PDB file of N, CA and C in Angstrom:
ATOM      1  N   MET A   1     -16.384   2.634  41.746  1.00  0.00           N
ATOM      2  CA  MET A   1     -16.411   2.279  40.333  1.00  0.00           C
ATOM      3  C   MET A   1     -17.177   3.366  39.573  1.00  0.00           C
ATOM      4  N   PRO A   2     -16.610   3.892  38.473  1.00  0.00           N
ATOM      5  CA  PRO A   2     -17.301   4.937  37.723  1.00  0.00           C
ATOM      6  C   PRO A   2     -18.648   4.461  37.193  1.00  0.00           C
ATOM      7  N   ARG A   3     -19.566   5.388  37.132  1.00  0.00           N
ATOM      8  CA  ARG A   3     -20.908   5.068  36.644  1.00  0.00           C
ATOM      9  C   ARG A   3     -20.845   4.530  35.213  1.00  0.00           C
ATOM     10  N   GLY A   4     -21.630   3.501  34.921  1.00  0.00           N
ATOM     11  CA  GLY A   4     -21.656   2.927  33.585  1.00  0.00           C
ATOM     12  C   GLY A   4     -20.596   1.868  33.377  1.00  0.00           C
ATOM     13  N   ARG A   5     -19.664   1.767  34.278  1.00  0.00           N
ATOM     14  CA  ARG A   5     -18.563   0.819  34.143  1.00  0.00           C
ATOM     15  C   ARG A   5     -18.961  -0.572  34.636  1.00  0.00           C
ATOM     16  N   ALA A   6     -19.878  -0.664  35.567  1.00  0.00           N
ATOM     17  CA  ALA A   6     -20.243  -1.956  36.159  1.00  0.00           C
ATOM     18  C   ALA A   6     -20.798  -2.914  35.121  1.00  0.00           C
ATOM     19  N   ASP A   7     -21.667  -2.435  34.247  1.00  0.00           N
ATOM     20  CA  ASP A   7     -22.257  -3.313  33.241  1.00  0.00           C
ATOM     21  C   ASP A   7     -21.193  -3.885  32.318  1.00  0.00           C
ATOM     22  N   LEU A   8     -20.227  -3.050  31.943  1.00  0.00           N
ATOM     23  CA  LEU A   8     -19.153  -3.495  31.067  1.00  0.00           C
ATOM     24  C   LEU A   8     -18.310  -4.549  31.777  1.00  0.00           C
ATOM     25  N   ASP A   9     -18.003  -4.301  33.053  1.00  0.00           N
ATOM     26  CA  ASP A   9     -17.193  -5.251  33.801  1.00  0.00           C
ATOM     27  C   ASP A   9     -17.900  -6.595  33.960  1.00  0.00           C
ATOM     28  N   LEU A  10     -19.210  -6.574  34.128  1.00  0.00           N
ATOM     29  CA  LEU A  10     -19.945  -7.823  34.280  1.00  0.00           C
ATOM     30  C   LEU A  10     -19.819  -8.701  33.040  1.00  0.00           C
ATOM     31  N   GLY A  11     -19.744  -8.072  31.893  1.00  0.00           N
ATOM     32  CA  GLY A  11     -19.679  -8.844  30.666  1.00  0.00           C
ATOM     33  C   GLY A  11     -18.279  -9.284  30.295  1.00  0.00           C
ATOM     34  N   LEU A  12     -17.265  -8.590  30.779  1.00  0.00           N
ATOM     35  CA  LEU A  12     -15.920  -8.849  30.264  1.00  0.00           C
ATOM     36  C   LEU A  12     -14.900  -9.333  31.283  1.00  0.00           C
ATOM     37  N   SER A  13     -15.113  -9.091  32.571  1.00  0.00           N
ATOM     38  CA  SER A  13     -14.043  -9.361  33.524  1.00  0.00           C
ATOM     39  C   SER A  13     -14.026 -10.812  33.995  1.00  0.00           C
ATOM     40  N   GLY A  14     -12.825 -11.292  34.193  1.00  0.00           N
ATOM     41  CA  GLY A  14     -12.561 -12.579  34.818  1.00  0.00           C
ATOM     42  C   GLY A  14     -13.422 -13.729  34.358  1.00  0.00           C
ATOM     43  N   GLY A  15     -13.796 -14.584  35.326  1.00  0.00           N
ATOM     44  CA  GLY A  15     -14.584 -15.761  35.021  1.00  0.00           C
ATOM     45  C   GLY A  15     -16.057 -15.451  34.831  1.00  0.00           C
ATOM     46  N   GLY A  16     -16.478 -14.220  35.141  1.00  0.00           N
ATOM     47  CA  GLY A  16     -17.875 -13.860  35.017  1.00  0.00           C
ATOM     48  C   GLY A  16     -18.236 -13.360  33.633  1.00  0.00           C
ATOM     49  N   ARG A  17     -17.466 -13.731  32.629  1.00  0.00           N
ATOM     50  CA  ARG A  17     -17.751 -13.271  31.267  1.00  0.00           C
ATOM     51  C   ARG A  17     -19.036 -13.876  30.740  1.00  0.00           C
ATOM     52  N   ILE A  18     -19.794 -13.076  30.048  1.00  0.00           N
ATOM     53  CA  ILE A  18     -20.988 -13.560  29.371  1.00  0.00           C
ATOM     54  C   ILE A  18     -20.512 -14.007  27.994  1.00  0.00           C
ATOM     55  N   PRO A  19     -20.532 -15.289  27.706  1.00  0.00           N
ATOM     56  CA  PRO A  19     -19.887 -15.805  26.499  1.00  0.00           C
ATOM     57  C   PRO A  19     -20.325 -15.129  25.200  1.00  0.00           C
ATOM     58  N   ASP A  20     -21.615 -14.956  24.992  1.00  0.00           N
ATOM     59  CA  ASP A  20     -22.066 -14.344  23.732  1.00  0.00           C
ATOM     60  C   ASP A  20     -21.605 -12.897  23.618  1.00  0.00           C
ATOM     61  N   PHE A  21     -21.744 -12.156  24.717  1.00  0.00           N
ATOM     62  CA  PHE A  21     -21.322 -10.762  24.705  1.00  0.00           C
ATOM     63  C   PHE A  21     -19.814 -10.656  24.521  1.00  0.00           C
ATOM     64  N   ALA A  22     -19.065 -11.485  25.246  1.00  0.00           N
ATOM     65  CA  ALA A  22     -17.612 -11.457  25.154  1.00  0.00           C
ATOM     66  C   ALA A  22     -17.150 -11.763  23.726  1.00  0.00           C
ATOM     67  N   ALA A  23     -17.787 -12.730  23.077  1.00  0.00           N
ATOM     68  CA  ALA A  23     -17.427 -13.065  21.698  1.00  0.00           C
ATOM     69  C   ALA A  23     -17.734 -11.906  20.759  1.00  0.00           C
ATOM     70  N   ALA A  24     -18.872 -11.259  20.955  1.00  0.00           N
ATOM     71  CA  ALA A  24     -19.229 -10.108  20.113  1.00  0.00           C
ATOM     72  C   ALA A  24     -18.273  -8.953  20.363  1.00  0.00           C
ATOM     73  N   TRP A  25     -17.901  -8.744  21.624  1.00  0.00           N
ATOM     74  CA  TRP A  25     -16.954  -7.681  21.979  1.00  0.00           C
ATOM     75  C   TRP A  25     -15.602  -7.940  21.316  1.00  0.00           C
ATOM     76  N   ASP A  26     -15.104  -9.159  21.430  1.00  0.00           N
ATOM     77  CA  ASP A  26     -13.818  -9.506  20.828  1.00  0.00           C
ATOM     78  C   ASP A  26     -13.856  -9.330  19.309  1.00  0.00           C
ATOM     79  N   ALA A  27     -14.969  -9.706  18.688  1.00  0.00           N
ATOM     80  CA  ALA A  27     -15.099  -9.536  17.237  1.00  0.00           C
ATOM     81  C   ALA A  27     -15.108  -8.057  16.862  1.00  0.00           C
ATOM     82  N   ALA A  28     -15.800  -7.241  17.649  1.00  0.00           N
ATOM     83  CA  ALA A  28     -15.842  -5.800  17.372  1.00  0.00           C
ATOM     84  C   ALA A  28     -14.447  -5.190  17.495  1.00  0.00           C
ATOM     85  N   LEU A  29     -13.704  -5.607  18.510  1.00  0.00           N
ATOM     86  CA  LEU A  29     -12.336  -5.103  18.668  1.00  0.00           C
ATOM     87  C   LEU A  29     -11.454  -5.549  17.502  1.00  0.00           C
ATOM     88  N   ALA A  30     -11.603  -6.788  17.097  1.00  0.00           N
ATOM     89  CA  ALA A  30     -10.784  -7.305  15.988  1.00  0.00           C
ATOM     90  C   ALA A  30     -11.049  -6.521  14.706  1.00  0.00           C
ATOM     91  N   ILE A  31     -12.275  -6.084  14.511  1.00  0.00           N
ATOM     92  CA  ILE A  31     -12.622  -5.320  13.310  1.00  0.00           C
ATOM     93  C   ILE A  31     -12.151  -3.872  13.422  1.00  0.00           C
ATOM     94  N   SER A  32     -12.336  -3.268  14.592  1.00  0.00           N
ATOM     95  CA  SER A  32     -12.091  -1.831  14.715  1.00  0.00           C
ATOM     96  C   SER A  32     -10.640  -1.458  14.982  1.00  0.00           C
ATOM     97  N   LEU A  33      -9.881  -2.281  15.669  1.00  0.00           N
ATOM     98  CA  LEU A  33      -8.516  -1.900  16.022  1.00  0.00           C
ATOM     99  C   LEU A  33      -7.630  -1.609  14.806  1.00  0.00           C
ATOM    100  N   PRO A  34      -7.644  -2.430  13.759  1.00  0.00           N
ATOM    101  CA  PRO A  34      -6.807  -2.087  12.607  1.00  0.00           C
ATOM    102  C   PRO A  34      -7.195  -0.740  11.987  1.00  0.00           C
ATOM    103  N   ARG A  35      -8.487  -0.430  11.952  1.00  0.00           N
ATOM    104  CA  ARG A  35      -8.926   0.857  11.404  1.00  0.00           C
ATOM    105  C   ARG A  35      -8.458   2.005  12.292  1.00  0.00           C
ATOM    106  N   LEU A  36      -8.535   1.822  13.600  1.00  0.00           N
ATOM    107  CA  LEU A  36      -8.065   2.852  14.519  1.00  0.00           C
ATOM    108  C   LEU A  36      -6.559   3.060  14.377  1.00  0.00           C
ATOM    109  N   GLU A  37      -5.823   1.963  14.226  1.00  0.00           N
ATOM    110  CA  GLU A  37      -4.379   2.074  14.032  1.00  0.00           C
ATOM    111  C   GLU A  37      -4.063   2.820  12.738  1.00  0.00           C
ATOM    112  N   GLN A  38      -4.806   2.542  11.679  1.00  0.00           N
ATOM    113  CA  GLN A  38      -4.594   3.242  10.409  1.00  0.00           C
ATOM    114  C   GLN A  38      -4.869   4.732  10.556  1.00  0.00           C
ATOM    115  N   ALA A  39      -5.943   5.073  11.254  1.00  0.00           N
ATOM    116  CA  ALA A  39      -6.286   6.480  11.453  1.00  0.00           C
ATOM    117  C   ALA A  39      -5.213   7.180  12.295  1.00  0.00           C
ATOM    118  N   ALA A  40      -4.735   6.503  13.337  1.00  0.00           N
ATOM    119  CA  ALA A  40      -3.691   7.088  14.179  1.00  0.00           C
ATOM    120  C   ALA A  40      -2.406   7.277  13.378  1.00  0.00           C
ATOM    121  N   TYR A  41      -2.043   6.295  12.566  1.00  0.00           N
ATOM    122  CA  TYR A  41      -0.853   6.396  11.733  1.00  0.00           C
ATOM    123  C   TYR A  41      -0.980   7.572  10.759  1.00  0.00           C
ATOM    124  N   ALA A  42      -2.128   7.680  10.116  1.00  0.00           N
ATOM    125  CA  ALA A  42      -2.332   8.765   9.151  1.00  0.00           C
ATOM    126  C   ALA A  42      -2.193  10.124   9.828  1.00  0.00           C
ATOM    127  N   ARG A  43      -2.770  10.270  10.999  1.00  0.00           N
ATOM    128  CA  ARG A  43      -2.707  11.550  11.698  1.00  0.00           C
ATOM    129  C   ARG A  43      -1.289  11.836  12.197  1.00  0.00           C
ATOM    130  N   ALA A  44      -0.573  10.800  12.615  1.00  0.00           N
ATOM    131  CA  ALA A  44       0.777  10.977  13.153  1.00  0.00           C
ATOM    132  C   ALA A  44       1.809  11.230  12.057  1.00  0.00           C
ATOM    133  N   VAL A  45       1.725  10.502  10.957  1.00  0.00           N
ATOM    134  CA  VAL A  45       2.774  10.542   9.939  1.00  0.00           C
ATOM    135  C   VAL A  45       2.378  11.391   8.724  1.00  0.00           C
ATOM    136  N   GLU A  46       1.151  11.223   8.254  1.00  0.00           N
ATOM    137  CA  GLU A  46       0.723  11.965   7.067  1.00  0.00           C
ATOM    138  C   GLU A  46       0.178  13.347   7.433  1.00  0.00           C
ATOM    139  N   GLY A  47      -0.304  13.495   8.650  1.00  0.00           N
ATOM    140  CA  GLY A  47      -0.787  14.781   9.130  1.00  0.00           C
ATOM    141  C   GLY A  47      -2.145  15.152   8.576  1.00  0.00           C
ATOM    142  N   TRP A  48      -2.554  16.394   8.844  1.00  0.00           N
ATOM    143  CA  TRP A  48      -3.826  16.917   8.366  1.00  0.00           C
ATOM    144  C   TRP A  48      -3.652  18.391   8.046  1.00  0.00           C
ATOM    145  N   GLU A  49      -4.486  18.879   7.187  1.00  0.00           N
ATOM    146  CA  GLU A  49      -4.438  20.280   6.788  1.00  0.00           C
ATOM    147  C   GLU A  49      -5.186  21.122   7.815  1.00  0.00           C
ATOM    148  N   GLU A  50      -4.553  22.185   8.264  1.00  0.00           N
ATOM    149  CA  GLU A  50      -5.183  23.096   9.209  1.00  0.00           C
ATOM    150  C   GLU A  50      -5.236  24.481   8.569  1.00  0.00           C
ATOM    151  N   PRO A  51      -6.400  25.115   8.565  1.00  0.00           N
ATOM    152  CA  PRO A  51      -6.494  26.438   7.949  1.00  0.00           C
ATOM    153  C   PRO A  51      -5.779  27.497   8.784  1.00  0.00           C
ATOM    154  N   ILE A  52      -5.169  28.456   8.095  1.00  0.00           N
ATOM    155  CA  ILE A  52      -4.546  29.604   8.737  1.00  0.00           C
ATOM    156  C   ILE A  52      -5.485  30.784   8.524  1.00  0.00           C
ATOM    157  N   LEU A  53      -5.933  31.372   9.612  1.00  0.00           N
ATOM    158  CA  LEU A  53      -6.869  32.481   9.532  1.00  0.00           C
ATOM    159  C   LEU A  53      -6.145  33.804   9.757  1.00  0.00           C
ATOM    160  N   TYR A  54      -6.525  34.804   8.981  1.00  0.00           N
ATOM    161  CA  TYR A  54      -6.015  36.157   9.154  1.00  0.00           C
ATOM    162  C   TYR A  54      -7.189  37.100   8.945  1.00  0.00           C
ATOM    163  N   GLN A  55      -7.477  37.876   9.949  1.00  0.00           N
ATOM    164  CA  GLN A  55      -8.608  38.792   9.923  1.00  0.00           C
ATOM    165  C   GLN A  55      -9.907  38.073   9.551  1.00  0.00           C
ATOM    166  N   GLY A  56     -10.071  36.886  10.112  1.00  0.00           N
ATOM    167  CA  GLY A  56     -11.302  36.131   9.925  1.00  0.00           C
ATOM    168  C   GLY A  56     -11.418  35.371   8.617  1.00  0.00           C
ATOM    169  N   LYS A  57     -10.380  35.382   7.800  1.00  0.00           N
ATOM    170  CA  LYS A  57     -10.432  34.681   6.515  1.00  0.00           C
ATOM    171  C   LYS A  57      -9.314  33.648   6.428  1.00  0.00           C
ATOM    172  N   VAL A  58      -9.595  32.566   5.724  1.00  0.00           N
ATOM    173  CA  VAL A  58      -8.575  31.543   5.497  1.00  0.00           C
ATOM    174  C   VAL A  58      -7.616  32.074   4.438  1.00  0.00           C
ATOM    175  N   VAL A  59      -6.344  32.214   4.829  1.00  0.00           N
ATOM    176  CA  VAL A  59      -5.345  32.736   3.892  1.00  0.00           C
ATOM    177  C   VAL A  59      -4.390  31.653   3.410  1.00  0.00           C
ATOM    178  N   ALA A  60      -4.336  30.546   4.133  1.00  0.00           N
ATOM    179  CA  ALA A  60      -3.441  29.448   3.747  1.00  0.00           C
ATOM    180  C   ALA A  60      -3.802  28.227   4.590  1.00  0.00           C
ATOM    181  N   HIS A  61      -3.095  27.168   4.336  1.00  0.00           N
ATOM    182  CA  HIS A  61      -3.221  25.946   5.129  1.00  0.00           C
ATOM    183  C   HIS A  61      -1.833  25.480   5.509  1.00  0.00           C
ATOM    184  N   ARG A  62      -1.733  24.821   6.624  1.00  0.00           N
ATOM    185  CA  ARG A  62      -0.466  24.190   6.992  1.00  0.00           C
ATOM    186  C   ARG A  62      -0.751  22.774   7.441  1.00  0.00           C
ATOM    187  N   ARG A  63       0.244  21.937   7.275  1.00  0.00           N
ATOM    188  CA  ARG A  63       0.104  20.531   7.643  1.00  0.00           C
ATOM    189  C   ARG A  63       0.535  20.384   9.100  1.00  0.00           C
ATOM    190  N   ARG A  64      -0.306  19.721   9.879  1.00  0.00           N
ATOM    191  CA  ARG A  64      -0.020  19.459  11.280  1.00  0.00           C
ATOM    192  C   ARG A  64       0.133  17.957  11.482  1.00  0.00           C
ATOM    193  N   TYR A  65       0.915  17.583  12.484  1.00  0.00           N
ATOM    194  CA  TYR A  65       1.180  16.178  12.784  1.00  0.00           C
ATOM    195  C   TYR A  65       0.994  15.958  14.271  1.00  0.00           C
ATOM    196  N   SER A  66       0.700  14.729  14.648  1.00  0.00           N
ATOM    197  CA  SER A  66       0.525  14.399  16.059  1.00  0.00           C
ATOM    198  C   SER A  66       1.731  13.611  16.560  1.00  0.00           C
ATOM    199  N   ASP A  67       2.619  14.307  17.254  1.00  0.00           N
ATOM    200  CA  ASP A  67       3.775  13.636  17.852  1.00  0.00           C
ATOM    201  C   ASP A  67       3.330  12.639  18.916  1.00  0.00           C
ATOM    202  N   ALA A  68       2.283  12.996  19.647  1.00  0.00           N
ATOM    203  CA  ALA A  68       1.798  12.107  20.721  1.00  0.00           C
ATOM    204  C   ALA A  68       1.313  10.777  20.145  1.00  0.00           C
ATOM    205  N   LEU A  69       0.575  10.828  19.029  1.00  0.00           N
ATOM    206  CA  LEU A  69       0.115   9.575  18.419  1.00  0.00           C
ATOM    207  C   LEU A  69       1.282   8.773  17.869  1.00  0.00           C
ATOM    208  N   LEU A  70       2.264   9.459  17.292  1.00  0.00           N
ATOM    209  CA  LEU A  70       3.429   8.756  16.765  1.00  0.00           C
ATOM    210  C   LEU A  70       4.164   8.038  17.897  1.00  0.00           C
ATOM    211  N   ARG A  71       4.362   8.733  19.022  1.00  0.00           N
ATOM    212  CA  ARG A  71       5.003   8.094  20.175  1.00  0.00           C
ATOM    213  C   ARG A  71       4.193   6.890  20.656  1.00  0.00           C
ATOM    214  N   LEU A  72       2.886   7.042  20.720  1.00  0.00           N
ATOM    215  CA  LEU A  72       2.019   5.959  21.167  1.00  0.00           C
ATOM    216  C   LEU A  72       2.140   4.736  20.250  1.00  0.00           C
ATOM    217  N   LEU A  73       2.124   4.973  18.940  1.00  0.00           N
ATOM    218  CA  LEU A  73       2.251   3.863  17.993  1.00  0.00           C
ATOM    219  C   LEU A  73       3.614   3.179  18.120  1.00  0.00           C
ATOM    220  N   ILE A  74       4.650   3.967  18.296  1.00  0.00           N
ATOM    221  CA  ILE A  74       6.002   3.394  18.435  1.00  0.00           C
ATOM    222  C   ILE A  74       6.100   2.596  19.724  1.00  0.00           C
ATOM    223  N   GLU A  75       5.601   3.161  20.823  1.00  0.00           N
ATOM    224  CA  GLU A  75       5.658   2.451  22.108  1.00  0.00           C
ATOM    225  C   GLU A  75       4.862   1.152  22.051  1.00  0.00           C
ATOM    226  N   ARG A  76       3.716   1.190  21.400  1.00  0.00           N
ATOM    227  CA  ARG A  76       2.894  -0.021  21.276  1.00  0.00           C
ATOM    228  C   ARG A  76       3.651  -1.097  20.497  1.00  0.00           C
ATOM    229  N   GLU A  77       4.287  -0.677  19.433  1.00  0.00           N
ATOM    230  CA  GLU A  77       5.044  -1.632  18.620  1.00  0.00           C
ATOM    231  C   GLU A  77       6.224  -2.193  19.411  1.00  0.00           C
ATOM    232  N   MET A  78       6.834  -1.345  20.225  1.00  0.00           N
ATOM    233  CA  MET A  78       7.989  -1.788  21.008  1.00  0.00           C
ATOM    234  C   MET A  78       7.577  -2.794  22.089  1.00  0.00           C
ATOM    235  N   ARG A  79       6.351  -2.740  22.579  1.00  0.00           N
ATOM    236  CA  ARG A  79       5.885  -3.658  23.621  1.00  0.00           C
ATOM    237  C   ARG A  79       5.524  -5.032  23.077  1.00  0.00           C
ATOM    238  N   ARG A  80       5.335  -5.119  21.773  1.00  0.00           N
ATOM    239  CA  ARG A  80       4.988  -6.427  21.208  1.00  0.00           C
ATOM    240  C   ARG A  80       6.184  -7.361  21.358  1.00  0.00           C
ATOM    241  N   PRO A  81       5.922  -8.621  21.655  1.00  0.00           N
ATOM    242  CA  PRO A  81       7.040  -9.555  21.838  1.00  0.00           C
ATOM    243  C   PRO A  81       7.812  -9.760  20.540  1.00  0.00           C
ATOM    244  N   VAL A  82       9.121  -9.889  20.698  1.00  0.00           N
ATOM    245  CA  VAL A  82       9.982 -10.134  19.547  1.00  0.00           C
ATOM    246  C   VAL A  82       9.887 -11.606  19.201  1.00  0.00           C
ATOM    247  N   SER A  83       9.576 -11.904  17.954  1.00  0.00           N
ATOM    248  CA  SER A  83       9.503 -13.295  17.518  1.00  0.00           C
ATOM    249  C   SER A  83      10.444 -13.479  16.331  1.00  0.00           C
ATOM    250  N   ASP A  84      10.529 -14.694  15.862  1.00  0.00           N
ATOM    251  CA  ASP A  84      11.410 -14.977  14.727  1.00  0.00           C
ATOM    252  C   ASP A  84      11.087 -14.059  13.558  1.00  0.00           C
ATOM    253  N   GLY A  85      12.122 -13.509  12.972  1.00  0.00           N
ATOM    254  CA  GLY A  85      11.932 -12.666  11.803  1.00  0.00           C
ATOM    255  C   GLY A  85      11.629 -11.209  12.132  1.00  0.00           C
ATOM    256  N   ARG A  86      11.377 -10.905  13.399  1.00  0.00           N
ATOM    257  CA  ARG A  86      11.100  -9.518  13.786  1.00  0.00           C
ATOM    258  C   ARG A  86      12.389  -8.876  14.268  1.00  0.00           C
ATOM    259  N   PRO A  87      12.539  -7.589  14.028  1.00  0.00           N
ATOM    260  CA  PRO A  87      13.758  -6.909  14.480  1.00  0.00           C
ATOM    261  C   PRO A  87      13.822  -6.788  15.995  1.00  0.00           C
ATOM    262  N   SER A  88      15.039  -6.689  16.506  1.00  0.00           N
ATOM    263  CA  SER A  88      15.236  -6.515  17.947  1.00  0.00           C
ATOM    264  C   SER A  88      14.874  -5.077  18.323  1.00  0.00           C
ATOM    265  N   PRO A  89      14.669  -4.826  19.611  1.00  0.00           N
ATOM    266  CA  PRO A  89      14.378  -3.449  20.033  1.00  0.00           C
ATOM    267  C   PRO A  89      15.462  -2.453  19.606  1.00  0.00           C
ATOM    268  N   ALA A  90      16.722  -2.871  19.641  1.00  0.00           N
ATOM    269  CA  ALA A  90      17.800  -1.974  19.214  1.00  0.00           C
ATOM    270  C   ALA A  90      17.680  -1.638  17.728  1.00  0.00           C
ATOM    271  N   GLU A  91      17.319  -2.628  16.916  1.00  0.00           N
ATOM    272  CA  GLU A  91      17.130  -2.387  15.479  1.00  0.00           C
ATOM    273  C   GLU A  91      15.937  -1.464  15.244  1.00  0.00           C
ATOM    274  N   VAL A  92      14.878  -1.677  16.015  1.00  0.00           N
ATOM    275  CA  VAL A  92      13.701  -0.816  15.891  1.00  0.00           C
ATOM    276  C   VAL A  92      14.064   0.608  16.293  1.00  0.00           C
ATOM    277  N   ASP A  93      14.812   0.760  17.392  1.00  0.00           N
ATOM    278  CA  ASP A  93      15.244   2.088  17.831  1.00  0.00           C
ATOM    279  C   ASP A  93      16.020   2.808  16.740  1.00  0.00           C
ATOM    280  N   ALA A  94      16.906   2.088  16.074  1.00  0.00           N
ATOM    281  CA  ALA A  94      17.706   2.695  15.014  1.00  0.00           C
ATOM    282  C   ALA A  94      16.828   3.154  13.855  1.00  0.00           C
ATOM    283  N   VAL A  95      15.897   2.304  13.450  1.00  0.00           N
ATOM    284  CA  VAL A  95      15.003   2.649  12.341  1.00  0.00           C
ATOM    285  C   VAL A  95      14.090   3.804  12.727  1.00  0.00           C
ATOM    286  N   VAL A  96      13.536   3.742  13.930  1.00  0.00           N
ATOM    287  CA  VAL A  96      12.631   4.801  14.392  1.00  0.00           C
ATOM    288  C   VAL A  96      13.387   6.122  14.510  1.00  0.00           C
ATOM    289  N   GLY A  97      14.585   6.080  15.050  1.00  0.00           N
ATOM    290  CA  GLY A  97      15.382   7.302  15.173  1.00  0.00           C
ATOM    291  C   GLY A  97      15.649   7.934  13.817  1.00  0.00           C
ATOM    292  N   LYS A  98      15.989   7.106  12.851  1.00  0.00           N
ATOM    293  CA  LYS A  98      16.241   7.605  11.495  1.00  0.00           C
ATOM    294  C   LYS A  98      14.962   8.172  10.879  1.00  0.00           C
ATOM    295  N   ALA A  99      13.839   7.460  11.070  1.00  0.00           N
ATOM    296  CA  ALA A  99      12.561   7.924  10.530  1.00  0.00           C
ATOM    297  C   ALA A  99      12.130   9.228  11.187  1.00  0.00           C
ATOM    298  N   MET A 100      12.297   9.329  12.498  1.00  0.00           N
ATOM    299  CA  MET A 100      11.929  10.565  13.205  1.00  0.00           C
ATOM    300  C   MET A 100      12.780  11.735  12.730  1.00  0.00           C
ATOM    301  N   ALA A 101      14.067  11.518  12.543  1.00  0.00           N
ATOM    302  CA  ALA A 101      14.933  12.592  12.060  1.00  0.00           C
ATOM    303  C   ALA A 101      14.495  13.044  10.673  1.00  0.00           C
ATOM    304  N   SER A 102      14.158  12.089   9.819  1.00  0.00           N
ATOM    305  CA  SER A 102      13.696  12.416   8.474  1.00  0.00           C
ATOM    306  C   SER A 102      12.384  13.191   8.511  1.00  0.00           C
ATOM    307  N   LEU A 103      11.444  12.743   9.350  1.00  0.00           N
ATOM    308  CA  LEU A 103      10.161  13.440   9.464  1.00  0.00           C
ATOM    309  C   LEU A 103      10.342  14.843  10.027  1.00  0.00           C
ATOM    310  N   LYS A 104      11.187  14.993  11.034  1.00  0.00           N
ATOM    311  CA  LYS A 104      11.418  16.320  11.612  1.00  0.00           C
ATOM    312  C   LYS A 104      12.013  17.259  10.571  1.00  0.00           C
ATOM    313  N   HIS A 105      12.922  16.744   9.750  1.00  0.00           N
ATOM    314  CA  HIS A 105      13.501  17.558   8.676  1.00  0.00           C
ATOM    315  C   HIS A 105      12.413  17.975   7.682  1.00  0.00           C
ATOM    316  N   LYS A 106      11.572  17.009   7.292  1.00  0.00           N
ATOM    317  CA  LYS A 106      10.478  17.297   6.360  1.00  0.00           C
ATOM    318  C   LYS A 106       9.540  18.339   6.941  1.00  0.00           C
ATOM    319  N   TRP A 107       9.173  18.171   8.222  1.00  0.00           N
ATOM    320  CA  TRP A 107       8.256  19.106   8.867  1.00  0.00           C
ATOM    321  C   TRP A 107       8.871  20.498   8.938  1.00  0.00           C
ATOM    322  N   ARG A 108      10.161  20.580   9.221  1.00  0.00           N
ATOM    323  CA  ARG A 108      10.841  21.881   9.302  1.00  0.00           C
ATOM    324  C   ARG A 108      10.832  22.553   7.935  1.00  0.00           C
ATOM    325  N   GLN A 109      11.078  21.775   6.876  1.00  0.00           N
ATOM    326  CA  GLN A 109      11.053  22.334   5.522  1.00  0.00           C
ATOM    327  C   GLN A 109       9.659  22.871   5.189  1.00  0.00           C
ATOM    328  N   GLU A 110       8.621  22.135   5.598  1.00  0.00           N
ATOM    329  CA  GLU A 110       7.251  22.595   5.362  1.00  0.00           C
ATOM    330  C   GLU A 110       6.966  23.878   6.139  1.00  0.00           C
ATOM    331  N   GLU A 111       7.464  23.970   7.376  1.00  0.00           N
ATOM    332  CA  GLU A 111       7.273  25.182   8.170  1.00  0.00           C
ATOM    333  C   GLU A 111       7.960  26.373   7.514  1.00  0.00           C
ATOM    334  N   LEU A 112       9.178  26.173   7.023  1.00  0.00           N
ATOM    335  CA  LEU A 112       9.906  27.255   6.368  1.00  0.00           C
ATOM    336  C   LEU A 112       9.206  27.703   5.090  1.00  0.00           C
ATOM    337  N   ALA A 113       8.720  26.741   4.313  1.00  0.00           N
ATOM    338  CA  ALA A 113       7.988  27.074   3.087  1.00  0.00           C
ATOM    339  C   ALA A 113       6.724  27.853   3.421  1.00  0.00           C
ATOM    340  N   TRP A 114       6.035  27.452   4.474  1.00  0.00           N
ATOM    341  CA  TRP A 114       4.827  28.145   4.890  1.00  0.00           C
ATOM    342  C   TRP A 114       5.161  29.578   5.320  1.00  0.00           C
ATOM    343  N   ALA A 115       6.231  29.757   6.095  1.00  0.00           N
ATOM    344  CA  ALA A 115       6.633  31.083   6.558  1.00  0.00           C
ATOM    345  C   ALA A 115       6.989  31.981   5.378  1.00  0.00           C
ATOM    346  N   GLU A 116       7.692  31.427   4.391  1.00  0.00           N
ATOM    347  CA  GLU A 116       8.035  32.203   3.194  1.00  0.00           C
ATOM    348  C   GLU A 116       6.777  32.624   2.437  1.00  0.00           C
ATOM    349  N   LYS A 117       5.811  31.699   2.338  1.00  0.00           N
ATOM    350  CA  LYS A 117       4.558  31.998   1.652  1.00  0.00           C
ATOM    351  C   LYS A 117       3.812  33.124   2.368  1.00  0.00           C
ATOM    352  N   MET A 118       3.776  33.069   3.686  1.00  0.00           N
ATOM    353  CA  MET A 118       3.091  34.107   4.461  1.00  0.00           C
ATOM    354  C   MET A 118       3.806  35.455   4.322  1.00  0.00           C
ATOM    355  N   GLU A 119       5.115  35.406   4.317  1.00  0.00           N
ATOM    356  CA  GLU A 119       5.896  36.637   4.171  1.00  0.00           C
ATOM    357  C   GLU A 119       5.671  37.254   2.788  1.00  0.00           C
ATOM    358  N   ALA A 120       5.617  36.414   1.754  1.00  0.00           N
ATOM    359  CA  ALA A 120       5.375  36.909   0.401  1.00  0.00           C
ATOM    360  C   ALA A 120       3.984  37.556   0.275  1.00  0.00           C
ATOM    361  N   ARG A 121       3.046  37.077   1.059  1.00  0.00           N
ATOM    362  CA  ARG A 121       1.690  37.640   1.028  1.00  0.00           C
ATOM    363  C   ARG A 121       1.545  38.844   1.963  1.00  0.00           C
ATOM    364  N   GLY A 122       2.638  39.173   2.656  1.00  0.00           N
ATOM    365  CA  GLY A 122       2.588  40.302   3.587  1.00  0.00           C
ATOM    366  C   GLY A 122       1.867  39.975   4.873  1.00  0.00           C
ATOM    367  N   LEU A 123       1.800  38.686   5.220  1.00  0.00           N
ATOM    368  CA  LEU A 123       1.052  38.255   6.386  1.00  0.00           C
ATOM    369  C   LEU A 123       1.961  37.769   7.520  1.00  0.00           C
ATOM    370  N   ALA A 124       3.267  37.987   7.367  1.00  0.00           N
ATOM    371  CA  ALA A 124       4.196  37.516   8.394  1.00  0.00           C
ATOM    372  C   ALA A 124       4.055  38.393   9.637  1.00  0.00           C
ATOM    373  N   PRO A 125       4.143  37.784  10.810  1.00  0.00           N
ATOM    374  CA  PRO A 125       4.013  38.571  12.066  1.00  0.00           C
ATOM    375  C   PRO A 125       5.177  39.502  12.263  1.00  0.00           C
TER     376      PRO A 125
END
């Protein structure tokens, strides 16, 4: 068992749960998970600005996205049980496929615009 893991397991695993600790842990997860999901979504879909350096100076910025986080969010959503009013996995696949194609097109357009900007500044490789 990895070091530091035993104490956590004593409080959370099986029938040996410490009720007060387990309740506090569950409350902390309930509060933090939606915020973590929002942060992951923002990084995956909205992206972040990354500076472009040339000769040690910032000459531009480009928007970067996390495909890995997007896949993780999609897979997590796909594992949730389908209930009344929720789309089927096939419907989700269709929507996700369309959204991914749209995002890839948008990202490609941003890459082309960035390349043109760099070329206009004489900074193209």
